[in-house]
Amino acid sequence: MMTVKLTDVGDSIGLIIPEEILEKMGAKKGDTLMVLETKSGIELRTFEPAFAKQMEIAEKVMEKERQVLRRLARS
């Protein structure tokens, strides 16, 4: 298990991610990360434009078809 540290960055809070984790993620200083909410918590991923677009579309469908999805979940 590895830990990360939250620190003050001006009026915000920053997350310090060890280099080893960044390498495993394929990320580097200046990259954009996606923050995804999952059943098990929060997930950080490197930003992938195609995946981000798919998520945007999925969120719109889930919002629009909320009642249908609820009925399907009960089945």
Protein backbone atom coordinates (compact mmCIF):
# COMPACT_ATOMS: atom_id res chain seq x y z
CA MET A 1 0.00 0.00 0.00
CA MET A 2 1.17 3.47 -0.86
CA THR A 3 -0.10 6.76 0.51
CA VAL A 4 -0.38 10.22 -1.01
CA LYS A 5 -0.36 13.60 0.69
CA LEU A 6 -2.74 16.55 0.41
CA THR A 7 -1.10 19.95 0.65
CA ASP A 8 -2.03 23.62 0.36
CA VAL A 9 -1.60 25.13 -3.11
CA GLY A 10 -2.70 28.76 -2.87
CA ASP A 11 -6.41 28.75 -2.01
CA SER A 12 -6.78 25.13 -3.13
CA ILE A 13 -5.56 21.73 -2.00
CA GLY A 14 -3.17 19.70 -4.13
CA LEU A 15 -2.48 15.98 -4.20
CA ILE A 16 1.14 14.85 -4.20
CA ILE A 17 1.45 11.63 -6.18
CA PRO A 18 4.74 9.70 -5.93
CA GLU A 19 6.70 9.31 -9.16
CA GLU A 20 6.33 5.52 -8.98
CA ILE A 21 2.53 5.79 -9.16
CA LEU A 22 2.68 8.32 -12.00
CA GLU A 23 4.90 5.95 -13.98
CA LYS A 24 2.43 3.10 -13.46
CA MET A 25 -0.39 5.37 -14.64
CA GLY A 26 1.60 6.57 -17.62
CA ALA A 27 1.25 10.15 -16.37
CA LYS A 28 3.70 12.99 -15.90
CA LYS A 29 3.76 16.51 -14.52
CA GLY A 30 1.31 18.71 -16.41
CA ASP A 31 -0.93 15.86 -17.61
CA THR A 32 -4.67 15.96 -17.03
CA LEU A 33 -6.24 13.20 -14.96
CA MET A 34 -9.85 12.06 -14.99
CA VAL A 35 -11.61 11.58 -11.66
CA LEU A 36 -14.17 8.79 -11.85
CA GLU A 37 -16.66 7.86 -9.16
CA THR A 38 -17.00 4.08 -8.91
CA LYS A 39 -18.85 1.71 -6.58
CA SER A 40 -15.62 1.17 -4.65
CA GLY A 41 -14.69 4.87 -4.41
CA ILE A 42 -12.80 7.39 -6.50
CA GLU A 43 -10.53 6.36 -9.37
CA LEU A 44 -7.87 8.50 -11.05
CA ARG A 45 -7.02 7.79 -14.69
CA THR A 46 -4.93 9.49 -17.28
CA PHE A 47 -7.11 11.64 -19.50
CA GLU A 48 -8.19 9.80 -22.64
CA PRO A 49 -10.31 12.02 -24.92
CA ALA A 50 -12.17 9.05 -26.47
CA PHE A 51 -13.03 7.59 -23.06
CA ALA A 52 -14.05 11.03 -21.75
CA LYS A 53 -16.42 11.45 -24.71
CA GLN A 54 -17.93 7.99 -24.11
CA MET A 55 -18.49 8.87 -20.45
CA GLU A 56 -20.12 12.16 -21.40
CA ILE A 57 -22.52 10.37 -23.74
CA ALA A 58 -23.25 7.66 -21.13
CA GLU A 59 -24.03 10.28 -18.48
CA LYS A 60 -26.48 12.03 -20.84
CA VAL A 61 -28.22 8.73 -21.63
CA MET A 62 -28.39 7.79 -17.94
CA GLU A 63 -29.90 11.18 -17.10
CA LYS A 64 -32.43 11.06 -19.94
CA GLU A 65 -33.42 7.41 -19.44
CA ARG A 66 -33.25 7.28 -15.63
CA GLN A 67 -36.70 5.67 -15.21
CA VAL A 68 -36.02 2.97 -17.82
CA LEU A 69 -32.67 2.14 -16.21
CA ARG A 70 -34.29 1.90 -12.77
CA ARG A 71 -36.89 -0.55 -14.12
CA LEU A 72 -34.17 -2.62 -15.77
CA ALA A 73 -32.18 -2.69 -12.52
CA ARG A 74 -35.19 -4.21 -10.71
CA SER A 75 -35.48 -7.04 -13.25
